[in-house]
Amino acid sequence: MDYAFEKDWISLERLMEERFGEPPDLTTMIFTVGLQECGQPFRSFKKDEKLEIMHVGVCTLLEPQGFYEALGTDEEGWPHFERKAEIPAVSKVEQELFMKRALVEYFAAWIAGG
C-alpha cells in the first residue's frame, strides 16, 4: 500500500469537502479541474457544456502522463487537446486509482499548503 498517496488522497478529499460543503466524488473532482482549466466561474451549465468541462478535466489530468497535449484555446476561451497515445484498457478499479493519482498530482500544491 502506498501510504503517502493514501494520506494525500484523504487530504484532498478533506480540502474539497471544506471548499464545497460536501464530500466529493471522483466525477465532481474531475469537473472541478475542468472548470479551473476553462477559467469558467461556477454557474449553471448546459449538458453539452458539462461534458466539455469534464473532457477538459480528463485531458488536463492525463496530459502529464503523455496521453494528451494541450493545443491552446479557441476564440471562446475553451482549451483544446490532441490525443497523443492510446489509453490502455484497464479495470474500473485501476482506472479510478489512476485518476485519483492524477488528481493528487494536479492538486499537489493545494494539498501541501492545506
PDB file of N, CA and C in Angstrom:
ATOM      1  N   MET A   1       0.845  -1.187   0.000  1.00  0.00           N
ATOM      2  CA  MET A   1       0.000   0.000   0.000  1.00  0.00           C
ATOM      3  C   MET A   1       0.882   1.239   0.000  1.00  0.00           C
ATOM      4  N   ASP A   2       0.476   2.232  -0.751  1.00  0.00           N
ATOM      5  CA  ASP A   2       1.219   3.485  -0.873  1.00  0.00           C
ATOM      6  C   ASP A   2       0.654   4.477   0.151  1.00  0.00           C
ATOM      7  N   TYR A   3       1.269   4.520   1.321  1.00  0.00           N
ATOM      8  CA  TYR A   3       0.748   5.333   2.415  1.00  0.00           C
ATOM      9  C   TYR A   3       0.814   6.824   2.115  1.00  0.00           C
ATOM     10  N   ALA A   4       1.854   7.281   1.419  1.00  0.00           N
ATOM     11  CA  ALA A   4       1.961   8.705   1.080  1.00  0.00           C
ATOM     12  C   ALA A   4       0.813   9.114   0.163  1.00  0.00           C
ATOM     13  N   PHE A   5       0.512   8.269  -0.833  1.00  0.00           N
ATOM     14  CA  PHE A   5      -0.614   8.564  -1.725  1.00  0.00           C
ATOM     15  C   PHE A   5      -1.927   8.573  -0.944  1.00  0.00           C
ATOM     16  N   GLU A   6      -2.147   7.571  -0.112  1.00  0.00           N
ATOM     17  CA  GLU A   6      -3.391   7.491   0.664  1.00  0.00           C
ATOM     18  C   GLU A   6      -3.570   8.733   1.543  1.00  0.00           C
ATOM     19  N   LYS A   7      -2.496   9.170   2.182  1.00  0.00           N
ATOM     20  CA  LYS A   7      -2.538  10.367   3.020  1.00  0.00           C
ATOM     21  C   LYS A   7      -2.902  11.586   2.179  1.00  0.00           C
ATOM     22  N   ASP A   8      -2.262  11.730   1.017  1.00  0.00           N
ATOM     23  CA  ASP A   8      -2.551  12.868   0.132  1.00  0.00           C
ATOM     24  C   ASP A   8      -3.986  12.805  -0.390  1.00  0.00           C
ATOM     25  N   TRP A   9      -4.466  11.608  -0.721  1.00  0.00           N
ATOM     26  CA  TRP A   9      -5.831  11.466  -1.232  1.00  0.00           C
ATOM     27  C   TRP A   9      -6.845  11.887  -0.160  1.00  0.00           C
ATOM     28  N   ILE A  10      -6.627  11.432   1.055  1.00  0.00           N
ATOM     29  CA  ILE A  10      -7.533  11.801   2.154  1.00  0.00           C
ATOM     30  C   ILE A  10      -7.494  13.311   2.393  1.00  0.00           C
ATOM     31  N   SER A  11      -6.311  13.894   2.307  1.00  0.00           N
ATOM     32  CA  SER A  11      -6.181  15.350   2.468  1.00  0.00           C
ATOM     33  C   SER A  11      -6.932  16.081   1.367  1.00  0.00           C
ATOM     34  N   LEU A  12      -6.828  15.595   0.147  1.00  0.00           N
ATOM     35  CA  LEU A  12      -7.529  16.223  -0.975  1.00  0.00           C
ATOM     36  C   LEU A  12      -9.042  16.125  -0.797  1.00  0.00           C
ATOM     37  N   GLU A  13      -9.517  14.967  -0.396  1.00  0.00           N
ATOM     38  CA  GLU A  13     -10.955  14.814  -0.153  1.00  0.00           C
ATOM     39  C   GLU A  13     -11.426  15.791   0.925  1.00  0.00           C
ATOM     40  N   ARG A  14     -10.641  15.914   1.983  1.00  0.00           N
ATOM     41  CA  ARG A  14     -10.993  16.822   3.080  1.00  0.00           C
ATOM     42  C   ARG A  14     -11.023  18.267   2.596  1.00  0.00           C
ATOM     43  N   LEU A  15     -10.013  18.675   1.835  1.00  0.00           N
ATOM     44  CA  LEU A  15      -9.962  20.039   1.310  1.00  0.00           C
ATOM     45  C   LEU A  15     -11.147  20.334   0.389  1.00  0.00           C
ATOM     46  N   MET A  16     -11.487  19.372  -0.461  1.00  0.00           N
ATOM     47  CA  MET A  16     -12.623  19.561  -1.371  1.00  0.00           C
ATOM     48  C   MET A  16     -13.925  19.652  -0.580  1.00  0.00           C
ATOM     49  N   GLU A  17     -14.070  18.828   0.445  1.00  0.00           N
ATOM     50  CA  GLU A  17     -15.278  18.872   1.268  1.00  0.00           C
ATOM     51  C   GLU A  17     -15.387  20.219   1.993  1.00  0.00           C
ATOM     52  N   GLU A  18     -14.271  20.709   2.519  1.00  0.00           N
ATOM     53  CA  GLU A  18     -14.271  22.016   3.181  1.00  0.00           C
ATOM     54  C   GLU A  18     -14.638  23.125   2.199  1.00  0.00           C
ATOM     55  N   ARG A  19     -14.128  23.020   0.987  1.00  0.00           N
ATOM     56  CA  ARG A  19     -14.357  24.060  -0.033  1.00  0.00           C
ATOM     57  C   ARG A  19     -15.789  24.060  -0.541  1.00  0.00           C
ATOM     58  N   PHE A  20     -16.364  22.859  -0.758  1.00  0.00           N
ATOM     59  CA  PHE A  20     -17.667  22.759  -1.415  1.00  0.00           C
ATOM     60  C   PHE A  20     -18.807  22.334  -0.488  1.00  0.00           C
ATOM     61  N   GLY A  21     -18.496  21.994   0.769  1.00  0.00           N
ATOM     62  CA  GLY A  21     -19.545  21.726   1.730  1.00  0.00           C
ATOM     63  C   GLY A  21     -20.096  20.322   1.748  1.00  0.00           C
ATOM     64  N   GLU A  22     -19.553  19.440   0.923  1.00  0.00           N
ATOM     65  CA  GLU A  22     -19.983  18.043   0.936  1.00  0.00           C
ATOM     66  C   GLU A  22     -18.861  17.169   0.390  1.00  0.00           C
ATOM     67  N   PRO A  23     -18.863  15.898   0.762  1.00  0.00           N
ATOM     68  CA  PRO A  23     -17.805  15.009   0.267  1.00  0.00           C
ATOM     69  C   PRO A  23     -17.892  14.888  -1.259  1.00  0.00           C
ATOM     70  N   PRO A  24     -16.773  15.064  -1.952  1.00  0.00           N
ATOM     71  CA  PRO A  24     -16.797  14.997  -3.410  1.00  0.00           C
ATOM     72  C   PRO A  24     -16.688  13.558  -3.910  1.00  0.00           C
ATOM     73  N   ASP A  25     -17.255  13.309  -5.075  1.00  0.00           N
ATOM     74  CA  ASP A  25     -16.987  12.042  -5.746  1.00  0.00           C
ATOM     75  C   ASP A  25     -15.957  12.320  -6.844  1.00  0.00           C
ATOM     76  N   LEU A  26     -15.483  11.292  -7.474  1.00  0.00           N
ATOM     77  CA  LEU A  26     -14.432  11.424  -8.482  1.00  0.00           C
ATOM     78  C   LEU A  26     -14.886  12.314  -9.645  1.00  0.00           C
ATOM     79  N   THR A  27     -16.130  12.158 -10.078  1.00  0.00           N
ATOM     80  CA  THR A  27     -16.651  12.955 -11.183  1.00  0.00           C
ATOM     81  C   THR A  27     -16.650  14.442 -10.831  1.00  0.00           C
ATOM     82  N   THR A  28     -17.055  14.761  -9.621  1.00  0.00           N
ATOM     83  CA  THR A  28     -17.067  16.159  -9.174  1.00  0.00           C
ATOM     84  C   THR A  28     -15.657  16.734  -9.165  1.00  0.00           C
ATOM     85  N   MET A  29     -14.704  15.934  -8.740  1.00  0.00           N
ATOM     86  CA  MET A  29     -13.322  16.408  -8.685  1.00  0.00           C
ATOM     87  C   MET A  29     -12.774  16.661 -10.087  1.00  0.00           C
ATOM     88  N   ILE A  30     -13.083  15.779 -11.016  1.00  0.00           N
ATOM     89  CA  ILE A  30     -12.638  15.964 -12.405  1.00  0.00           C
ATOM     90  C   ILE A  30     -13.320  17.190 -13.001  1.00  0.00           C
ATOM     91  N   PHE A  31     -14.604  17.377 -12.718  1.00  0.00           N
ATOM     92  CA  PHE A  31     -15.335  18.543 -13.190  1.00  0.00           C
ATOM     93  C   PHE A  31     -14.688  19.822 -12.650  1.00  0.00           C
ATOM     94  N   THR A  32     -14.257  19.800 -11.399  1.00  0.00           N
ATOM     95  CA  THR A  32     -13.599  20.955 -10.786  1.00  0.00           C
ATOM     96  C   THR A  32     -12.312  21.303 -11.531  1.00  0.00           C
ATOM     97  N   VAL A  33     -11.542  20.293 -11.913  1.00  0.00           N
ATOM     98  CA  VAL A  33     -10.326  20.533 -12.700  1.00  0.00           C
ATOM     99  C   VAL A  33     -10.703  21.192 -14.026  1.00  0.00           C
ATOM    100  N   GLY A  34     -11.738  20.656 -14.677  1.00  0.00           N
ATOM    101  CA  GLY A  34     -12.182  21.231 -15.946  1.00  0.00           C
ATOM    102  C   GLY A  34     -12.608  22.681 -15.801  1.00  0.00           C
ATOM    103  N   LEU A  35     -13.371  22.975 -14.754  1.00  0.00           N
ATOM    104  CA  LEU A  35     -13.795  24.365 -14.509  1.00  0.00           C
ATOM    105  C   LEU A  35     -12.589  25.276 -14.335  1.00  0.00           C
ATOM    106  N   GLN A  36     -11.649  24.800 -13.545  1.00  0.00           N
ATOM    107  CA  GLN A  36     -10.451  25.599 -13.276  1.00  0.00           C
ATOM    108  C   GLN A  36      -9.671  25.848 -14.564  1.00  0.00           C
ATOM    109  N   GLU A  37      -9.516  24.828 -15.376  1.00  0.00           N
ATOM    110  CA  GLU A  37      -8.736  24.955 -16.603  1.00  0.00           C
ATOM    111  C   GLU A  37      -9.448  25.782 -17.667  1.00  0.00           C
ATOM    112  N   CYS A  38     -10.776  25.765 -17.636  1.00  0.00           N
ATOM    113  CA  CYS A  38     -11.553  26.559 -18.594  1.00  0.00           C
ATOM    114  C   CYS A  38     -11.653  28.015 -18.168  1.00  0.00           C
ATOM    115  N   GLY A  39     -11.333  28.273 -16.899  1.00  0.00           N
ATOM    116  CA  GLY A  39     -11.460  29.632 -16.392  1.00  0.00           C
ATOM    117  C   GLY A  39     -12.912  30.060 -16.299  1.00  0.00           C
ATOM    118  N   GLN A  40     -13.801  29.088 -16.171  1.00  0.00           N
ATOM    119  CA  GLN A  40     -15.228  29.374 -16.100  1.00  0.00           C
ATOM    120  C   GLN A  40     -15.648  29.542 -14.643  1.00  0.00           C
ATOM    121  N   PRO A  41     -16.391  30.597 -14.351  1.00  0.00           N
ATOM    122  CA  PRO A  41     -16.938  30.706 -12.996  1.00  0.00           C
ATOM    123  C   PRO A  41     -18.018  29.652 -12.819  1.00  0.00           C
ATOM    124  N   PHE A  42     -18.275  29.286 -11.576  1.00  0.00           N
ATOM    125  CA  PHE A  42     -19.325  28.301 -11.340  1.00  0.00           C
ATOM    126  C   PHE A  42     -20.663  28.948 -11.636  1.00  0.00           C
ATOM    127  N   ARG A  43     -21.430  28.320 -12.505  1.00  0.00           N
ATOM    128  CA  ARG A  43     -22.759  28.784 -12.898  1.00  0.00           C
ATOM    129  C   ARG A  43     -23.519  27.572 -13.398  1.00  0.00           C
ATOM    130  N   SER A  44     -24.717  27.773 -13.846  1.00  0.00           N
ATOM    131  CA  SER A  44     -25.460  26.663 -14.442  1.00  0.00           C
ATOM    132  C   SER A  44     -24.929  26.439 -15.853  1.00  0.00           C
ATOM    133  N   PHE A  45     -24.627  25.198 -16.168  1.00  0.00           N
ATOM    134  CA  PHE A  45     -24.131  24.857 -17.485  1.00  0.00           C
ATOM    135  C   PHE A  45     -25.127  23.942 -18.186  1.00  0.00           C
ATOM    136  N   LYS A  46     -25.165  24.077 -19.504  1.00  0.00           N
ATOM    137  CA  LYS A  46     -25.972  23.157 -20.304  1.00  0.00           C
ATOM    138  C   LYS A  46     -25.280  21.801 -20.304  1.00  0.00           C
ATOM    139  N   LYS A  47     -26.033  20.759 -20.632  1.00  0.00           N
ATOM    140  CA  LYS A  47     -25.489  19.401 -20.609  1.00  0.00           C
ATOM    141  C   LYS A  47     -24.244  19.275 -21.478  1.00  0.00           C
ATOM    142  N   ASP A  48     -24.260  19.828 -22.695  1.00  0.00           N
ATOM    143  CA  ASP A  48     -23.095  19.714 -23.572  1.00  0.00           C
ATOM    144  C   ASP A  48     -21.896  20.467 -23.004  1.00  0.00           C
ATOM    145  N   GLU A  49     -22.140  21.579 -22.311  1.00  0.00           N
ATOM    146  CA  GLU A  49     -21.042  22.310 -21.686  1.00  0.00           C
ATOM    147  C   GLU A  49     -20.438  21.493 -20.540  1.00  0.00           C
ATOM    148  N   LYS A  50     -21.286  20.822 -19.765  1.00  0.00           N
ATOM    149  CA  LYS A  50     -20.784  19.966 -18.680  1.00  0.00           C
ATOM    150  C   LYS A  50     -19.896  18.859 -19.234  1.00  0.00           C
ATOM    151  N   LEU A  51     -20.310  18.263 -20.348  1.00  0.00           N
ATOM    152  CA  LEU A  51     -19.497  17.209 -20.963  1.00  0.00           C
ATOM    153  C   LEU A  51     -18.161  17.764 -21.440  1.00  0.00           C
ATOM    154  N   GLU A  52     -18.176  18.957 -22.018  1.00  0.00           N
ATOM    155  CA  GLU A  52     -16.931  19.589 -22.472  1.00  0.00           C
ATOM    156  C   GLU A  52     -16.007  19.890 -21.291  1.00  0.00           C
ATOM    157  N   ILE A  53     -16.589  20.363 -20.189  1.00  0.00           N
ATOM    158  CA  ILE A  53     -15.791  20.662 -18.996  1.00  0.00           C
ATOM    159  C   ILE A  53     -15.176  19.382 -18.440  1.00  0.00           C
ATOM    160  N   MET A  54     -15.949  18.297 -18.423  1.00  0.00           N
ATOM    161  CA  MET A  54     -15.414  17.006 -17.976  1.00  0.00           C
ATOM    162  C   MET A  54     -14.274  16.555 -18.889  1.00  0.00           C
ATOM    163  N   HIS A  55     -14.458  16.733 -20.197  1.00  0.00           N
ATOM    164  CA  HIS A  55     -13.424  16.349 -21.161  1.00  0.00           C
ATOM    165  C   HIS A  55     -12.133  17.145 -20.917  1.00  0.00           C
ATOM    166  N   VAL A  56     -12.276  18.435 -20.674  1.00  0.00           N
ATOM    167  CA  VAL A  56     -11.105  19.269 -20.375  1.00  0.00           C
ATOM    168  C   VAL A  56     -10.426  18.775 -19.094  1.00  0.00           C
ATOM    169  N   GLY A  57     -11.222  18.418 -18.094  1.00  0.00           N
ATOM    170  CA  GLY A  57     -10.653  17.903 -16.847  1.00  0.00           C
ATOM    171  C   GLY A  57      -9.872  16.617 -17.057  1.00  0.00           C
ATOM    172  N   VAL A  58     -10.460  15.688 -17.798  1.00  0.00           N
ATOM    173  CA  VAL A  58      -9.783  14.410 -18.070  1.00  0.00           C
ATOM    174  C   VAL A  58      -8.502  14.642 -18.867  1.00  0.00           C
ATOM    175  N   CYS A  59      -8.588  15.443 -19.926  1.00  0.00           N
ATOM    176  CA  CYS A  59      -7.397  15.698 -20.745  1.00  0.00           C
ATOM    177  C   CYS A  59      -6.291  16.364 -19.935  1.00  0.00           C
ATOM    178  N   THR A  60      -6.671  17.314 -19.091  1.00  0.00           N
ATOM    179  CA  THR A  60      -5.691  18.005 -18.250  1.00  0.00           C
ATOM    180  C   THR A  60      -5.004  17.032 -17.297  1.00  0.00           C
ATOM    181  N   LEU A  61      -5.796  16.145 -16.702  1.00  0.00           N
ATOM    182  CA  LEU A  61      -5.230  15.182 -15.750  1.00  0.00           C
ATOM    183  C   LEU A  61      -4.349  14.145 -16.436  1.00  0.00           C
ATOM    184  N   LEU A  62      -4.658  13.803 -17.686  1.00  0.00           N
ATOM    185  CA  LEU A  62      -3.881  12.776 -18.387  1.00  0.00           C
ATOM    186  C   LEU A  62      -2.737  13.347 -19.221  1.00  0.00           C
ATOM    187  N   GLU A  63      -2.679  14.665 -19.339  1.00  0.00           N
ATOM    188  CA  GLU A  63      -1.593  15.281 -20.119  1.00  0.00           C
ATOM    189  C   GLU A  63      -0.205  14.976 -19.546  1.00  0.00           C
ATOM    190  N   PRO A  64       0.024  15.074 -18.219  1.00  0.00           N
ATOM    191  CA  PRO A  64       1.368  14.788 -17.702  1.00  0.00           C
ATOM    192  C   PRO A  64       1.848  13.357 -17.981  1.00  0.00           C
ATOM    193  N   GLN A  65       0.911  12.431 -18.174  1.00  0.00           N
ATOM    194  CA  GLN A  65       1.284  11.049 -18.477  1.00  0.00           C
ATOM    195  C   GLN A  65       1.513  10.837 -19.977  1.00  0.00           C
ATOM    196  N   GLY A  66       1.334  11.882 -20.779  1.00  0.00           N
ATOM    197  CA  GLY A  66       1.617  11.808 -22.207  1.00  0.00           C
ATOM    198  C   GLY A  66       0.454  11.338 -23.075  1.00  0.00           C
ATOM    199  N   PHE A  67      -0.742  11.241 -22.495  1.00  0.00           N
ATOM    200  CA  PHE A  67      -1.883  10.794 -23.278  1.00  0.00           C
ATOM    201  C   PHE A  67      -2.490  11.911 -24.113  1.00  0.00           C
ATOM    202  N   TYR A  68      -2.376  13.149 -23.650  1.00  0.00           N
ATOM    203  CA  TYR A  68      -2.910  14.310 -24.360  1.00  0.00           C
ATOM    204  C   TYR A  68      -1.876  15.419 -24.376  1.00  0.00           C
ATOM    205  N   GLU A  69      -2.035  16.316 -25.356  1.00  0.00           N
ATOM    206  CA  GLU A  69      -1.200  17.510 -25.435  1.00  0.00           C
ATOM    207  C   GLU A  69      -2.130  18.706 -25.613  1.00  0.00           C
ATOM    208  N   ALA A  70      -1.911  19.735 -24.808  1.00  0.00           N
ATOM    209  CA  ALA A  70      -2.711  20.954 -24.921  1.00  0.00           C
ATOM    210  C   ALA A  70      -2.342  21.676 -26.209  1.00  0.00           C
ATOM    211  N   LEU A  71      -3.368  22.112 -26.955  1.00  0.00           N
ATOM    212  CA  LEU A  71      -3.142  22.822 -28.213  1.00  0.00           C
ATOM    213  C   LEU A  71      -3.375  24.324 -28.076  1.00  0.00           C
ATOM    214  N   GLY A  72      -3.981  24.734 -26.984  1.00  0.00           N
ATOM    215  CA  GLY A  72      -4.321  26.144 -26.798  1.00  0.00           C
ATOM    216  C   GLY A  72      -5.823  26.284 -26.628  1.00  0.00           C
ATOM    217  N   THR A  73      -6.293  27.514 -26.745  1.00  0.00           N
ATOM    218  CA  THR A  73      -7.712  27.779 -26.566  1.00  0.00           C
ATOM    219  C   THR A  73      -8.322  28.338 -27.847  1.00  0.00           C
ATOM    220  N   ASP A  74      -9.637  28.151 -27.959  1.00  0.00           N
ATOM    221  CA  ASP A  74     -10.333  28.694 -29.123  1.00  0.00           C
ATOM    222  C   ASP A  74     -10.772  30.133 -28.836  1.00  0.00           C
ATOM    223  N   GLU A  75     -11.510  30.716 -29.774  1.00  0.00           N
ATOM    224  CA  GLU A  75     -11.916  32.122 -29.643  1.00  0.00           C
ATOM    225  C   GLU A  75     -12.857  32.368 -28.456  1.00  0.00           C
ATOM    226  N   GLU A  76     -13.490  31.315 -27.954  1.00  0.00           N
ATOM    227  CA  GLU A  76     -14.365  31.453 -26.793  1.00  0.00           C
ATOM    228  C   GLU A  76     -13.644  31.137 -25.480  1.00  0.00           C
ATOM    229  N   GLY A  77     -12.349  30.813 -25.569  1.00  0.00           N
ATOM    230  CA  GLY A  77     -11.558  30.543 -24.376  1.00  0.00           C
ATOM    231  C   GLY A  77     -11.552  29.095 -23.919  1.00  0.00           C
ATOM    232  N   TRP A  78     -12.132  28.177 -24.706  1.00  0.00           N
ATOM    233  CA  TRP A  78     -12.165  26.761 -24.328  1.00  0.00           C
ATOM    234  C   TRP A  78     -10.853  26.092 -24.726  1.00  0.00           C
ATOM    235  N   PRO A  79     -10.224  25.370 -23.794  1.00  0.00           N
ATOM    236  CA  PRO A  79      -8.988  24.648 -24.112  1.00  0.00           C
ATOM    237  C   PRO A  79      -9.258  23.482 -25.071  1.00  0.00           C
ATOM    238  N   HIS A  80      -8.277  23.210 -25.914  1.00  0.00           N
ATOM    239  CA  HIS A  80      -8.363  22.067 -26.825  1.00  0.00           C
ATOM    240  C   HIS A  80      -7.115  21.205 -26.669  1.00  0.00           C
ATOM    241  N   PHE A  81      -7.302  19.909 -26.866  1.00  0.00           N
ATOM    242  CA  PHE A  81      -6.233  18.929 -26.681  1.00  0.00           C
ATOM    243  C   PHE A  81      -6.182  17.995 -27.876  1.00  0.00           C
ATOM    244  N   GLU A  82      -5.018  17.406 -28.058  1.00  0.00           N
ATOM    245  CA  GLU A  82      -4.836  16.359 -29.064  1.00  0.00           C
ATOM    246  C   GLU A  82      -4.415  15.087 -28.334  1.00  0.00           C
ATOM    247  N   ARG A  83      -5.042  13.972 -28.705  1.00  0.00           N
ATOM    248  CA  ARG A  83      -4.637  12.701 -28.101  1.00  0.00           C
ATOM    249  C   ARG A  83      -3.295  12.299 -28.695  1.00  0.00           C
ATOM    250  N   LYS A  84      -2.355  11.953 -27.813  1.00  0.00           N
ATOM    251  CA  LYS A  84      -1.012  11.584 -28.245  1.00  0.00           C
ATOM    252  C   LYS A  84      -0.747  10.089 -28.096  1.00  0.00           C
ATOM    253  N   ALA A  85      -1.515   9.419 -27.258  1.00  0.00           N
ATOM    254  CA  ALA A  85      -1.313   7.986 -27.039  1.00  0.00           C
ATOM    255  C   ALA A  85      -2.648   7.361 -26.649  1.00  0.00           C
ATOM    256  N   GLU A  86      -2.787   6.102 -26.964  1.00  0.00           N
ATOM    257  CA  GLU A  86      -3.989   5.368 -26.569  1.00  0.00           C
ATOM    258  C   GLU A  86      -3.957   5.111 -25.067  1.00  0.00           C
ATOM    259  N   ILE A  87      -5.091   5.280 -24.447  1.00  0.00           N
ATOM    260  CA  ILE A  87      -5.210   4.993 -23.025  1.00  0.00           C
ATOM    261  C   ILE A  87      -5.435   3.494 -22.881  1.00  0.00           C
ATOM    262  N   PRO A  88      -4.611   2.810 -22.118  1.00  0.00           N
ATOM    263  CA  PRO A  88      -4.743   1.352 -22.019  1.00  0.00           C
ATOM    264  C   PRO A  88      -6.068   0.936 -21.383  1.00  0.00           C
ATOM    265  N   ALA A  89      -6.572  -0.180 -21.837  1.00  0.00           N
ATOM    266  CA  ALA A  89      -7.785  -0.741 -21.247  1.00  0.00           C
ATOM    267  C   ALA A  89      -7.424  -1.341 -19.896  1.00  0.00           C
ATOM    268  N   VAL A  90      -8.074  -0.836 -18.867  1.00  0.00           N
ATOM    269  CA  VAL A  90      -7.835  -1.321 -17.507  1.00  0.00           C
ATOM    270  C   VAL A  90      -9.185  -1.517 -16.822  1.00  0.00           C
ATOM    271  N   SER A  91      -9.169  -2.167 -15.691  1.00  0.00           N
ATOM    272  CA  SER A  91     -10.406  -2.381 -14.942  1.00  0.00           C
ATOM    273  C   SER A  91     -10.904  -1.057 -14.369  1.00  0.00           C
ATOM    274  N   LYS A  92     -12.152  -1.056 -13.962  1.00  0.00           N
ATOM    275  CA  LYS A  92     -12.746   0.143 -13.359  1.00  0.00           C
ATOM    276  C   LYS A  92     -11.968   0.565 -12.110  1.00  0.00           C
ATOM    277  N   VAL A  93     -11.548  -0.389 -11.314  1.00  0.00           N
ATOM    278  CA  VAL A  93     -10.789  -0.098 -10.091  1.00  0.00           C
ATOM    279  C   VAL A  93      -9.440   0.544 -10.449  1.00  0.00           C
ATOM    280  N   GLU A  94      -8.755  -0.014 -11.450  1.00  0.00           N
ATOM    281  CA  GLU A  94      -7.465   0.540 -11.873  1.00  0.00           C
ATOM    282  C   GLU A  94      -7.641   1.941 -12.471  1.00  0.00           C
ATOM    283  N   GLN A  95      -8.710   2.128 -13.231  1.00  0.00           N
ATOM    284  CA  GLN A  95      -8.992   3.431 -13.826  1.00  0.00           C
ATOM    285  C   GLN A  95      -9.243   4.476 -12.736  1.00  0.00           C
ATOM    286  N   GLU A  96     -10.007   4.095 -11.724  1.00  0.00           N
ATOM    287  CA  GLU A  96     -10.297   5.003 -10.620  1.00  0.00           C
ATOM    288  C   GLU A  96      -9.015   5.377  -9.872  1.00  0.00           C
ATOM    289  N   LEU A  97      -8.165   4.405  -9.606  1.00  0.00           N
ATOM    290  CA  LEU A  97      -6.902   4.672  -8.922  1.00  0.00           C
ATOM    291  C   LEU A  97      -6.006   5.578  -9.764  1.00  0.00           C
ATOM    292  N   PHE A  98      -5.966   5.331 -11.065  1.00  0.00           N
ATOM    293  CA  PHE A  98      -5.165   6.147 -11.978  1.00  0.00           C
ATOM    294  C   PHE A  98      -5.628   7.603 -11.934  1.00  0.00           C
ATOM    295  N   MET A  99      -6.946   7.821 -11.960  1.00  0.00           N
ATOM    296  CA  MET A  99      -7.479   9.180 -11.921  1.00  0.00           C
ATOM    297  C   MET A  99      -7.252   9.822 -10.557  1.00  0.00           C
ATOM    298  N   LYS A 100      -7.356   9.047  -9.492  1.00  0.00           N
ATOM    299  CA  LYS A 100      -7.085   9.586  -8.152  1.00  0.00           C
ATOM    300  C   LYS A 100      -5.643  10.057  -8.053  1.00  0.00           C
ATOM    301  N   ARG A 101      -4.714   9.258  -8.585  1.00  0.00           N
ATOM    302  CA  ARG A 101      -3.301   9.652  -8.558  1.00  0.00           C
ATOM    303  C   ARG A 101      -3.073  10.921  -9.382  1.00  0.00           C
ATOM    304  N   ALA A 102      -3.754  11.017 -10.528  1.00  0.00           N
ATOM    305  CA  ALA A 102      -3.632  12.210 -11.369  1.00  0.00           C
ATOM    306  C   ALA A 102      -4.194  13.436 -10.636  1.00  0.00           C
ATOM    307  N   LEU A 103      -5.297  13.263  -9.911  1.00  0.00           N
ATOM    308  CA  LEU A 103      -5.872  14.368  -9.141  1.00  0.00           C
ATOM    309  C   LEU A 103      -4.937  14.807  -8.020  1.00  0.00           C
ATOM    310  N   VAL A 104      -4.321  13.853  -7.324  1.00  0.00           N
ATOM    311  CA  VAL A 104      -3.372  14.194  -6.269  1.00  0.00           C
ATOM    312  C   VAL A 104      -2.196  14.969  -6.859  1.00  0.00           C
ATOM    313  N   GLU A 105      -1.722  14.552  -8.009  1.00  0.00           N
ATOM    314  CA  GLU A 105      -0.618  15.262  -8.667  1.00  0.00           C
ATOM    315  C   GLU A 105      -1.054  16.677  -9.056  1.00  0.00           C
ATOM    316  N   TYR A 106      -2.241  16.796  -9.640  1.00  0.00           N
ATOM    317  CA  TYR A 106      -2.747  18.096 -10.088  1.00  0.00           C
ATOM    318  C   TYR A 106      -2.890  19.075  -8.919  1.00  0.00           C
ATOM    319  N   PHE A 107      -3.420  18.593  -7.807  1.00  0.00           N
ATOM    320  CA  PHE A 107      -3.674  19.448  -6.645  1.00  0.00           C
ATOM    321  C   PHE A 107      -2.555  19.395  -5.608  1.00  0.00           C
ATOM    322  N   ALA A 108      -1.369  18.941  -5.977  1.00  0.00           N
ATOM    323  CA  ALA A 108      -0.274  18.739  -5.026  1.00  0.00           C
ATOM    324  C   ALA A 108       0.053  19.999  -4.218  1.00  0.00           C
ATOM    325  N   ALA A 109       0.086  21.147  -4.858  1.00  0.00           N
ATOM    326  CA  ALA A 109       0.428  22.375  -4.131  1.00  0.00           C
ATOM    327  C   ALA A 109      -0.649  22.724  -3.115  1.00  0.00           C
ATOM    328  N   TRP A 110      -1.919  22.500  -3.472  1.00  0.00           N
ATOM    329  CA  TRP A 110      -3.032  22.770  -2.549  1.00  0.00           C
ATOM    330  C   TRP A 110      -2.968  21.812  -1.363  1.00  0.00           C
ATOM    331  N   ILE A 111      -2.679  20.551  -1.651  1.00  0.00           N
ATOM    332  CA  ILE A 111      -2.574  19.537  -0.590  1.00  0.00           C
ATOM    333  C   ILE A 111      -1.439  19.910   0.365  1.00  0.00           C
ATOM    334  N   ALA A 112      -0.300  20.294  -0.186  1.00  0.00           N
ATOM    335  CA  ALA A 112       0.871  20.640   0.638  1.00  0.00           C
ATOM    336  C   ALA A 112       0.598  21.855   1.518  1.00  0.00           C
ATOM    337  N   GLY A 113      -0.181  22.787   0.996  1.00  0.00           N
ATOM    338  CA  GLY A 113      -0.479  24.007   1.749  1.00  0.00           C
ATOM    339  C   GLY A 113      -1.658  23.862   2.687  1.00  0.00           C
ATOM    340  N   GLY A 114      -2.429  22.748   2.505  1.00  0.00           N
ATOM    341  CA  GLY A 114      -3.642  22.564   3.290  1.00  0.00           C
ATOM    342  C   GLY A 114      -3.370  21.957   4.597  1.00  0.00           C
TER     343      GLY A 114
END
